[in-house]
Amino acid sequence: MALYEYVCRTHGAFEILRRLGEAPPDAACPVCGGAGARVISAPALVTGRRAAVFAAMDGAEKSRHEPAVVTSLPPSGAPRRQVRMTPELWTLPRP
């Protein structure tokens, strides 16, 4: 089931619940019964970790006004492997 948003010219926005893909282009306003036009809006994404989503939203809002300055790469946690230069690797382009 999906939640679809409509707008009545008199009473504003309202929502109806329909099967995915079965929403009509117009729906009756629950207050006055007039036709309400369907509005395309952003989907609501549901994740299991609400705290992480809110933290990401707060970080995005803060960086909008105060971008963070990065001076070094974060630690990767994985040990770096040394690759031995063999004659086959000498011909590869270097970054």
PDB file of N, CA and C in Angstrom:
ATOM      1  N   MET A   1       0.848  -1.179   0.000  1.00  0.00           N
ATOM      2  CA  MET A   1       0.000   0.000   0.000  1.00  0.00           C
ATOM      3  C   MET A   1       0.893   1.242   0.000  1.00  0.00           C
ATOM      4  N   ALA A   2       0.424   2.265  -0.711  1.00  0.00           N
ATOM      5  CA  ALA A   2       1.181   3.508  -0.819  1.00  0.00           C
ATOM      6  C   ALA A   2       0.294   4.677  -0.401  1.00  0.00           C
ATOM      7  N   LEU A   3       0.916   5.697   0.113  1.00  0.00           N
ATOM      8  CA  LEU A   3       0.227   6.901   0.544  1.00  0.00           C
ATOM      9  C   LEU A   3       0.388   7.954  -0.546  1.00  0.00           C
ATOM     10  N   TYR A   4      -0.723   8.425  -1.096  1.00  0.00           N
ATOM     11  CA  TYR A   4      -0.701   9.423  -2.167  1.00  0.00           C
ATOM     12  C   TYR A   4      -1.216  10.755  -1.635  1.00  0.00           C
ATOM     13  N   GLU A   5      -0.591  11.826  -2.103  1.00  0.00           N
ATOM     14  CA  GLU A   5      -0.928  13.168  -1.627  1.00  0.00           C
ATOM     15  C   GLU A   5      -1.729  13.913  -2.693  1.00  0.00           C
ATOM     16  N   TYR A   6      -2.779  14.589  -2.247  1.00  0.00           N
ATOM     17  CA  TYR A   6      -3.636  15.391  -3.111  1.00  0.00           C
ATOM     18  C   TYR A   6      -3.807  16.771  -2.500  1.00  0.00           C
ATOM     19  N   VAL A   7      -4.238  17.734  -3.315  1.00  0.00           N
ATOM     20  CA  VAL A   7      -4.462  19.089  -2.821  1.00  0.00           C
ATOM     21  C   VAL A   7      -5.847  19.562  -3.252  1.00  0.00           C
ATOM     22  N   CYS A   8      -6.632  19.970  -2.267  1.00  0.00           N
ATOM     23  CA  CYS A   8      -7.937  20.585  -2.511  1.00  0.00           C
ATOM     24  C   CYS A   8      -7.724  22.096  -2.577  1.00  0.00           C
ATOM     25  N   ARG A   9      -8.353  22.768  -3.525  1.00  0.00           N
ATOM     26  CA  ARG A   9      -8.177  24.230  -3.652  1.00  0.00           C
ATOM     27  C   ARG A   9      -8.709  24.971  -2.430  1.00  0.00           C
ATOM     28  N   THR A  10      -9.673  24.397  -1.751  1.00  0.00           N
ATOM     29  CA  THR A  10     -10.277  25.065  -0.596  1.00  0.00           C
ATOM     30  C   THR A  10      -9.621  24.671   0.725  1.00  0.00           C
ATOM     31  N   HIS A  11      -9.375  23.376   0.936  1.00  0.00           N
ATOM     32  CA  HIS A  11      -8.933  22.891   2.240  1.00  0.00           C
ATOM     33  C   HIS A  11      -7.472  22.451   2.302  1.00  0.00           C
ATOM     34  N   GLY A  12      -6.747  22.529   1.206  1.00  0.00           N
ATOM     35  CA  GLY A  12      -5.327  22.199   1.237  1.00  0.00           C
ATOM     36  C   GLY A  12      -5.037  20.726   1.006  1.00  0.00           C
ATOM     37  N   ALA A  13      -3.910  20.281   1.545  1.00  0.00           N
ATOM     38  CA  ALA A  13      -3.407  18.932   1.279  1.00  0.00           C
ATOM     39  C   ALA A  13      -4.135  17.869   2.099  1.00  0.00           C
ATOM     40  N   PHE A  14      -4.303  16.694   1.475  1.00  0.00           N
ATOM     41  CA  PHE A  14      -4.806  15.510   2.157  1.00  0.00           C
ATOM     42  C   PHE A  14      -4.176  14.288   1.500  1.00  0.00           C
ATOM     43  N   GLU A  15      -4.242  13.154   2.197  1.00  0.00           N
ATOM     44  CA  GLU A  15      -3.596  11.934   1.706  1.00  0.00           C
ATOM     45  C   GLU A  15      -4.599  10.798   1.651  1.00  0.00           C
ATOM     46  N   ILE A  16      -4.394   9.886   0.683  1.00  0.00           N
ATOM     47  CA  ILE A  16      -5.212   8.680   0.610  1.00  0.00           C
ATOM     48  C   ILE A  16      -4.288   7.478   0.478  1.00  0.00           C
ATOM     49  N   LEU A  17      -4.755   6.333   0.940  1.00  0.00           N
ATOM     50  CA  LEU A  17      -3.986   5.098   0.898  1.00  0.00           C
ATOM     51  C   LEU A  17      -4.573   4.208  -0.190  1.00  0.00           C
ATOM     52  N   ARG A  18      -3.751   3.825  -1.155  1.00  0.00           N
ATOM     53  CA  ARG A  18      -4.171   2.976  -2.266  1.00  0.00           C
ATOM     54  C   ARG A  18      -3.064   1.966  -2.560  1.00  0.00           C
ATOM     55  N   ARG A  19      -3.387   0.958  -3.346  1.00  0.00           N
ATOM     56  CA  ARG A  19      -2.363   0.034  -3.807  1.00  0.00           C
ATOM     57  C   ARG A  19      -1.398   0.781  -4.712  1.00  0.00           C
ATOM     58  N   LEU A  20      -0.170   0.311  -4.749  1.00  0.00           N
ATOM     59  CA  LEU A  20       0.869   0.943  -5.551  1.00  0.00           C
ATOM     60  C   LEU A  20       0.464   0.968  -7.024  1.00  0.00           C
ATOM     61  N   GLY A  21       0.446   2.154  -7.607  1.00  0.00           N
ATOM     62  CA  GLY A  21       0.110   2.324  -9.014  1.00  0.00           C
ATOM     63  C   GLY A  21      -1.371   2.447  -9.309  1.00  0.00           C
ATOM     64  N   GLU A  22      -2.225   2.402  -8.299  1.00  0.00           N
ATOM     65  CA  GLU A  22      -3.670   2.466  -8.523  1.00  0.00           C
ATOM     66  C   GLU A  22      -4.298   3.774  -8.068  1.00  0.00           C
ATOM     67  N   ALA A  23      -3.501   4.806  -7.894  1.00  0.00           N
ATOM     68  CA  ALA A  23      -4.042   6.090  -7.437  1.00  0.00           C
ATOM     69  C   ALA A  23      -4.622   6.854  -8.624  1.00  0.00           C
ATOM     70  N   PRO A  24      -5.847   7.378  -8.498  1.00  0.00           N
ATOM     71  CA  PRO A  24      -6.435   8.159  -9.588  1.00  0.00           C
ATOM     72  C   PRO A  24      -5.785   9.542  -9.666  1.00  0.00           C
ATOM     73  N   PRO A  25      -5.880  10.222 -10.821  1.00  0.00           N
ATOM     74  CA  PRO A  25      -5.291  11.561 -10.930  1.00  0.00           C
ATOM     75  C   PRO A  25      -6.010  12.598 -10.056  1.00  0.00           C
ATOM     76  N   ASP A  26      -7.289  12.356  -9.747  1.00  0.00           N
ATOM     77  CA  ASP A  26      -8.058  13.247  -8.869  1.00  0.00           C
ATOM     78  C   ASP A  26      -8.736  12.404  -7.799  1.00  0.00           C
ATOM     79  N   ALA A  27      -8.906  12.990  -6.611  1.00  0.00           N
ATOM     80  CA  ALA A  27      -9.592  12.301  -5.513  1.00  0.00           C
ATOM     81  C   ALA A  27     -10.490  13.298  -4.799  1.00  0.00           C
ATOM     82  N   ALA A  28     -11.555  12.790  -4.191  1.00  0.00           N
ATOM     83  CA  ALA A  28     -12.503  13.646  -3.490  1.00  0.00           C
ATOM     84  C   ALA A  28     -11.913  14.110  -2.160  1.00  0.00           C
ATOM     85  N   CYS A  29     -12.044  15.404  -1.890  1.00  0.00           N
ATOM     86  CA  CYS A  29     -11.578  15.976  -0.630  1.00  0.00           C
ATOM     87  C   CYS A  29     -12.409  15.398   0.512  1.00  0.00           C
ATOM     88  N   PRO A  30     -11.792  14.946   1.618  1.00  0.00           N
ATOM     89  CA  PRO A  30     -12.565  14.378   2.725  1.00  0.00           C
ATOM     90  C   PRO A  30     -13.417  15.416   3.462  1.00  0.00           C
ATOM     91  N   VAL A  31     -13.142  16.698   3.298  1.00  0.00           N
ATOM     92  CA  VAL A  31     -13.899  17.736   4.006  1.00  0.00           C
ATOM     93  C   VAL A  31     -15.086  18.209   3.181  1.00  0.00           C
ATOM     94  N   CYS A  32     -14.820  18.640   1.924  1.00  0.00           N
ATOM     95  CA  CYS A  32     -15.886  19.230   1.115  1.00  0.00           C
ATOM     96  C   CYS A  32     -16.365  18.326  -0.015  1.00  0.00           C
ATOM     97  N   GLY A  33     -15.626  17.271  -0.340  1.00  0.00           N
ATOM     98  CA  GLY A  33     -16.027  16.378  -1.420  1.00  0.00           C
ATOM     99  C   GLY A  33     -15.624  16.863  -2.793  1.00  0.00           C
ATOM    100  N   GLY A  34     -14.973  18.012  -2.871  1.00  0.00           N
ATOM    101  CA  GLY A  34     -14.514  18.543  -4.157  1.00  0.00           C
ATOM    102  C   GLY A  34     -13.319  17.775  -4.678  1.00  0.00           C
ATOM    103  N   ALA A  35     -13.014  17.977  -5.953  1.00  0.00           N
ATOM    104  CA  ALA A  35     -11.902  17.265  -6.574  1.00  0.00           C
ATOM    105  C   ALA A  35     -10.564  17.835  -6.109  1.00  0.00           C
ATOM    106  N   GLY A  36      -9.685  16.953  -5.739  1.00  0.00           N
ATOM    107  CA  GLY A  36      -8.329  17.341  -5.350  1.00  0.00           C
ATOM    108  C   GLY A  36      -7.343  16.763  -6.345  1.00  0.00           C
ATOM    109  N   ALA A  37      -6.410  17.576  -6.801  1.00  0.00           N
ATOM    110  CA  ALA A  37      -5.418  17.134  -7.784  1.00  0.00           C
ATOM    111  C   ALA A  37      -4.274  16.405  -7.086  1.00  0.00           C
ATOM    112  N   ARG A  38      -3.786  15.373  -7.751  1.00  0.00           N
ATOM    113  CA  ARG A  38      -2.671  14.592  -7.195  1.00  0.00           C
ATOM    114  C   ARG A  38      -1.383  15.403  -7.263  1.00  0.00           C
ATOM    115  N   VAL A  39      -0.584  15.313  -6.203  1.00  0.00           N
ATOM    116  CA  VAL A  39       0.688  16.023  -6.098  1.00  0.00           C
ATOM    117  C   VAL A  39       1.803  14.986  -6.056  1.00  0.00           C
ATOM    118  N   ILE A  40       2.857  15.210  -6.836  1.00  0.00           N
ATOM    119  CA  ILE A  40       4.009  14.321  -6.797  1.00  0.00           C
ATOM    120  C   ILE A  40       4.940  14.830  -5.700  1.00  0.00           C
ATOM    121  N   SER A  41       5.237  13.969  -4.745  1.00  0.00           N
ATOM    122  CA  SER A  41       6.100  14.365  -3.633  1.00  0.00           C
ATOM    123  C   SER A  41       7.190  13.317  -3.438  1.00  0.00           C
ATOM    124  N   ALA A  42       8.166  13.646  -2.616  1.00  0.00           N
ATOM    125  CA  ALA A  42       9.274  12.740  -2.344  1.00  0.00           C
ATOM    126  C   ALA A  42       8.783  11.536  -1.555  1.00  0.00           C
ATOM    127  N   PRO A  43       9.309  10.350  -1.833  1.00  0.00           N
ATOM    128  CA  PRO A  43       8.885   9.167  -1.088  1.00  0.00           C
ATOM    129  C   PRO A  43       9.451   9.179   0.325  1.00  0.00           C
ATOM    130  N   ALA A  44       8.746   8.554   1.227  1.00  0.00           N
ATOM    131  CA  ALA A  44       9.222   8.398   2.598  1.00  0.00           C
ATOM    132  C   ALA A  44      10.013   7.096   2.657  1.00  0.00           C
ATOM    133  N   LEU A  45      11.282   7.196   2.982  1.00  0.00           N
ATOM    134  CA  LEU A  45      12.132   6.016   3.057  1.00  0.00           C
ATOM    135  C   LEU A  45      12.181   5.533   4.494  1.00  0.00           C
ATOM    136  N   VAL A  46      11.952   4.259   4.687  1.00  0.00           N
ATOM    137  CA  VAL A  46      11.945   3.689   6.027  1.00  0.00           C
ATOM    138  C   VAL A  46      13.187   2.835   6.200  1.00  0.00           C
ATOM    139  N   THR A  47      13.939   3.120   7.242  1.00  0.00           N
ATOM    140  CA  THR A  47      15.107   2.308   7.554  1.00  0.00           C
ATOM    141  C   THR A  47      14.995   1.819   8.985  1.00  0.00           C
ATOM    142  N   GLY A  48      15.765   0.846   9.332  1.00  0.00           N
ATOM    143  CA  GLY A  48      15.714   0.286  10.679  1.00  0.00           C
ATOM    144  C   GLY A  48      16.421   1.142  11.710  1.00  0.00           C
ATOM    145  N   ARG A  49      17.288   2.058  11.268  1.00  0.00           N
ATOM    146  CA  ARG A  49      18.075   2.849  12.209  1.00  0.00           C
ATOM    147  C   ARG A  49      17.696   4.321  12.075  1.00  0.00           C
ATOM    148  N   ARG A  50      16.656   4.721  12.781  1.00  0.00           N
ATOM    149  CA  ARG A  50      16.172   6.104  12.704  1.00  0.00           C
ATOM    150  C   ARG A  50      17.206   7.093  13.231  1.00  0.00           C
ATOM    151  N   ALA A  51      17.951   6.719  14.266  1.00  0.00           N
ATOM    152  CA  ALA A  51      18.943   7.624  14.846  1.00  0.00           C
ATOM    153  C   ALA A  51      20.016   7.956  13.812  1.00  0.00           C
ATOM    154  N   ALA A  52      20.421   6.983  13.013  1.00  0.00           N
ATOM    155  CA  ALA A  52      21.439   7.222  11.988  1.00  0.00           C
ATOM    156  C   ALA A  52      20.909   8.159  10.909  1.00  0.00           C
ATOM    157  N   VAL A  53      19.647   8.009  10.546  1.00  0.00           N
ATOM    158  CA  VAL A  53      19.048   8.881   9.533  1.00  0.00           C
ATOM    159  C   VAL A  53      18.993  10.315  10.052  1.00  0.00           C
ATOM    160  N   PHE A  54      18.537  10.488  11.292  1.00  0.00           N
ATOM    161  CA  PHE A  54      18.454  11.834  11.856  1.00  0.00           C
ATOM    162  C   PHE A  54      19.839  12.458  12.030  1.00  0.00           C
ATOM    163  N   ALA A  55      20.823  11.656  12.392  1.00  0.00           N
ATOM    164  CA  ALA A  55      22.188  12.172  12.521  1.00  0.00           C
ATOM    165  C   ALA A  55      22.720  12.623  11.164  1.00  0.00           C
ATOM    166  N   ALA A  56      22.428  11.863  10.117  1.00  0.00           N
ATOM    167  CA  ALA A  56      22.861  12.246   8.775  1.00  0.00           C
ATOM    168  C   ALA A  56      22.166  13.528   8.322  1.00  0.00           C
ATOM    169  N   MET A  57      20.885  13.657   8.623  1.00  0.00           N
ATOM    170  CA  MET A  57      20.146  14.877   8.257  1.00  0.00           C
ATOM    171  C   MET A  57      20.692  16.083   9.015  1.00  0.00           C
ATOM    172  N   ASP A  58      20.995  15.913  10.299  1.00  0.00           N
ATOM    173  CA  ASP A  58      21.557  17.009  11.084  1.00  0.00           C
ATOM    174  C   ASP A  58      22.935  17.403  10.564  1.00  0.00           C
ATOM    175  N   GLY A  59      23.754  16.412  10.214  1.00  0.00           N
ATOM    176  CA  GLY A  59      25.079  16.699   9.672  1.00  0.00           C
ATOM    177  C   GLY A  59      25.003  17.420   8.344  1.00  0.00           C
ATOM    178  N   ALA A  60      24.050  17.026   7.496  1.00  0.00           N
ATOM    179  CA  ALA A  60      23.878  17.690   6.206  1.00  0.00           C
ATOM    180  C   ALA A  60      23.431  19.137   6.398  1.00  0.00           C
ATOM    181  N   GLU A  61      22.539  19.365   7.330  1.00  0.00           N
ATOM    182  CA  GLU A  61      22.068  20.731   7.584  1.00  0.00           C
ATOM    183  C   GLU A  61      23.190  21.594   8.148  1.00  0.00           C
ATOM    184  N   LYS A  62      23.989  21.041   9.057  1.00  0.00           N
ATOM    185  CA  LYS A  62      25.096  21.806   9.637  1.00  0.00           C
ATOM    186  C   LYS A  62      26.141  22.139   8.574  1.00  0.00           C
ATOM    187  N   SER A  63      26.467  21.142   7.709  1.00  0.00           N
ATOM    188  CA  SER A  63      27.492  21.386   6.691  1.00  0.00           C
ATOM    189  C   SER A  63      27.008  22.348   5.617  1.00  0.00           C
ATOM    190  N   ARG A  64      25.718  22.573   5.550  1.00  0.00           N
ATOM    191  CA  ARG A  64      25.175  23.542   4.602  1.00  0.00           C
ATOM    192  C   ARG A  64      25.638  24.952   4.952  1.00  0.00           C
ATOM    193  N   HIS A  65      25.723  25.235   6.236  1.00  0.00           N
ATOM    194  CA  HIS A  65      26.118  26.572   6.689  1.00  0.00           C
ATOM    195  C   HIS A  65      27.560  26.626   7.179  1.00  0.00           C
ATOM    196  N   GLU A  66      28.092  25.508   7.678  1.00  0.00           N
ATOM    197  CA  GLU A  66      29.440  25.436   8.233  1.00  0.00           C
ATOM    198  C   GLU A  66      30.153  24.211   7.695  1.00  0.00           C
ATOM    199  N   PRO A  67      30.681  24.257   6.474  1.00  0.00           N
ATOM    200  CA  PRO A  67      31.343  23.056   5.939  1.00  0.00           C
ATOM    201  C   PRO A  67      32.531  22.642   6.800  1.00  0.00           C
ATOM    202  N   ALA A  68      32.681  21.349   6.995  1.00  0.00           N
ATOM    203  CA  ALA A  68      33.792  20.820   7.774  1.00  0.00           C
ATOM    204  C   ALA A  68      35.064  20.856   6.932  1.00  0.00           C
ATOM    205  N   VAL A  69      36.177  21.217   7.560  1.00  0.00           N
ATOM    206  CA  VAL A  69      37.462  21.252   6.878  1.00  0.00           C
ATOM    207  C   VAL A  69      38.211  19.975   7.212  1.00  0.00           C
ATOM    208  N   VAL A  70      38.614  19.245   6.191  1.00  0.00           N
ATOM    209  CA  VAL A  70      39.314  17.981   6.384  1.00  0.00           C
ATOM    210  C   VAL A  70      40.795  18.207   6.120  1.00  0.00           C
ATOM    211  N   THR A  71      41.632  17.789   7.069  1.00  0.00           N
ATOM    212  CA  THR A  71      43.076  17.985   6.909  1.00  0.00           C
ATOM    213  C   THR A  71      43.816  16.691   6.620  1.00  0.00           C
ATOM    214  N   SER A  72      43.170  15.541   6.856  1.00  0.00           N
ATOM    215  CA  SER A  72      43.826  14.258   6.584  1.00  0.00           C
ATOM    216  C   SER A  72      42.765  13.203   6.296  1.00  0.00           C
ATOM    217  N   LEU A  73      43.214  12.082   5.750  1.00  0.00           N
ATOM    218  CA  LEU A  73      42.312  10.979   5.482  1.00  0.00           C
ATOM    219  C   LEU A  73      41.943  10.281   6.781  1.00  0.00           C
ATOM    220  N   PRO A  74      40.703   9.791   6.892  1.00  0.00           N
ATOM    221  CA  PRO A  74      40.340   9.051   8.096  1.00  0.00           C
ATOM    222  C   PRO A  74      41.023   7.699   8.109  1.00  0.00           C
ATOM    223  N   PRO A  75      41.239   7.135   9.304  1.00  0.00           N
ATOM    224  CA  PRO A  75      41.863   5.805   9.357  1.00  0.00           C
ATOM    225  C   PRO A  75      40.929   4.768   8.739  1.00  0.00           C
ATOM    226  N   SER A  76      41.503   3.876   7.957  1.00  0.00           N
ATOM    227  CA  SER A  76      40.682   2.883   7.268  1.00  0.00           C
ATOM    228  C   SER A  76      40.383   1.667   8.126  1.00  0.00           C
ATOM    229  N   GLY A  77      41.207   1.402   9.105  1.00  0.00           N
ATOM    230  CA  GLY A  77      40.989   0.257   9.966  1.00  0.00           C
ATOM    231  C   GLY A  77      41.616  -1.018   9.429  1.00  0.00           C
ATOM    232  N   ALA A  78      41.730  -1.126   8.115  1.00  0.00           N
ATOM    233  CA  ALA A  78      42.336  -2.316   7.521  1.00  0.00           C
ATOM    234  C   ALA A  78      43.829  -2.068   7.329  1.00  0.00           C
ATOM    235  N   PRO A  79      44.662  -3.057   7.616  1.00  0.00           N
ATOM    236  CA  PRO A  79      46.101  -2.864   7.409  1.00  0.00           C
ATOM    237  C   PRO A  79      46.409  -2.717   5.921  1.00  0.00           C
ATOM    238  N   ARG A  80      47.345  -1.836   5.609  1.00  0.00           N
ATOM    239  CA  ARG A  80      47.745  -1.636   4.217  1.00  0.00           C
ATOM    240  C   ARG A  80      48.697  -2.751   3.797  1.00  0.00           C
ATOM    241  N   ARG A  81      48.480  -3.261   2.599  1.00  0.00           N
ATOM    242  CA  ARG A  81      49.346  -4.305   2.075  1.00  0.00           C
ATOM    243  C   ARG A  81      50.391  -3.663   1.167  1.00  0.00           C
ATOM    244  N   GLN A  82      51.580  -4.146   1.271  1.00  0.00           N
ATOM    245  CA  GLN A  82      52.648  -3.692   0.386  1.00  0.00           C
ATOM    246  C   GLN A  82      52.629  -4.561  -0.870  1.00  0.00           C
ATOM    247  N   VAL A  83      52.592  -3.926  -2.022  1.00  0.00           N
ATOM    248  CA  VAL A  83      52.621  -4.657  -3.282  1.00  0.00           C
ATOM    249  C   VAL A  83      54.022  -4.536  -3.842  1.00  0.00           C
ATOM    250  N   ARG A  84      54.617  -5.668  -4.094  1.00  0.00           N
ATOM    251  CA  ARG A  84      55.964  -5.670  -4.634  1.00  0.00           C
ATOM    252  C   ARG A  84      55.924  -5.326  -6.117  1.00  0.00           C
ATOM    253  N   MET A  85      56.805  -4.445  -6.541  1.00  0.00           N
ATOM    254  CA  MET A  85      56.861  -4.056  -7.945  1.00  0.00           C
ATOM    255  C   MET A  85      57.529  -5.159  -8.753  1.00  0.00           C
ATOM    256  N   THR A  86      56.774  -5.752  -9.631  1.00  0.00           N
ATOM    257  CA  THR A  86      57.310  -6.769 -10.538  1.00  0.00           C
ATOM    258  C   THR A  86      57.413  -6.157 -11.928  1.00  0.00           C
ATOM    259  N   PRO A  87      58.143  -6.753 -12.821  1.00  0.00           N
ATOM    260  CA  PRO A  87      58.253  -6.193 -14.172  1.00  0.00           C
ATOM    261  C   PRO A  87      56.905  -5.985 -14.857  1.00  0.00           C
ATOM    262  N   GLU A  88      55.909  -6.825 -14.564  1.00  0.00           N
ATOM    263  CA  GLU A  88      54.582  -6.637 -15.166  1.00  0.00           C
ATOM    264  C   GLU A  88      53.933  -5.344 -14.684  1.00  0.00           C
ATOM    265  N   LEU A  89      54.165  -4.968 -13.414  1.00  0.00           N
ATOM    266  CA  LEU A  89      53.560  -3.762 -12.861  1.00  0.00           C
ATOM    267  C   LEU A  89      54.285  -2.483 -13.315  1.00  0.00           C
ATOM    268  N   TRP A  90      55.522  -2.568 -13.740  1.00  0.00           N
ATOM    269  CA  TRP A  90      56.266  -1.384 -14.141  1.00  0.00           C
ATOM    270  C   TRP A  90      55.626  -0.697 -15.351  1.00  0.00           C
ATOM    271  N   THR A  91      54.959  -1.462 -16.195  1.00  0.00           N
ATOM    272  CA  THR A  91      54.399  -0.896 -17.430  1.00  0.00           C
ATOM    273  C   THR A  91      53.050  -0.237 -17.197  1.00  0.00           C
ATOM    274  N   LEU A  92      52.447  -0.435 -16.058  1.00  0.00           N
ATOM    275  CA  LEU A  92      51.134   0.161 -15.780  1.00  0.00           C
ATOM    276  C   LEU A  92      51.283   1.658 -15.544  1.00  0.00           C
ATOM    277  N   PRO A  93      50.262   2.449 -15.936  1.00  0.00           N
ATOM    278  CA  PRO A  93      50.325   3.892 -15.669  1.00  0.00           C
ATOM    279  C   PRO A  93      50.207   4.170 -14.181  1.00  0.00           C
ATOM    280  N   ARG A  94      50.866   5.207 -13.731  1.00  0.00           N
ATOM    281  CA  ARG A  94      50.831   5.581 -12.317  1.00  0.00           C
ATOM    282  C   ARG A  94      49.807   6.691 -12.106  1.00  0.00           C
ATOM    283  N   PRO A  95      49.165   6.671 -10.954  1.00  0.00           N
ATOM    284  CA  PRO A  95      48.158   7.717 -10.678  1.00  0.00           C
ATOM    285  C   PRO A  95      48.784   9.062 -10.415  1.00  0.00           C
TER     286      PRO A  95
END
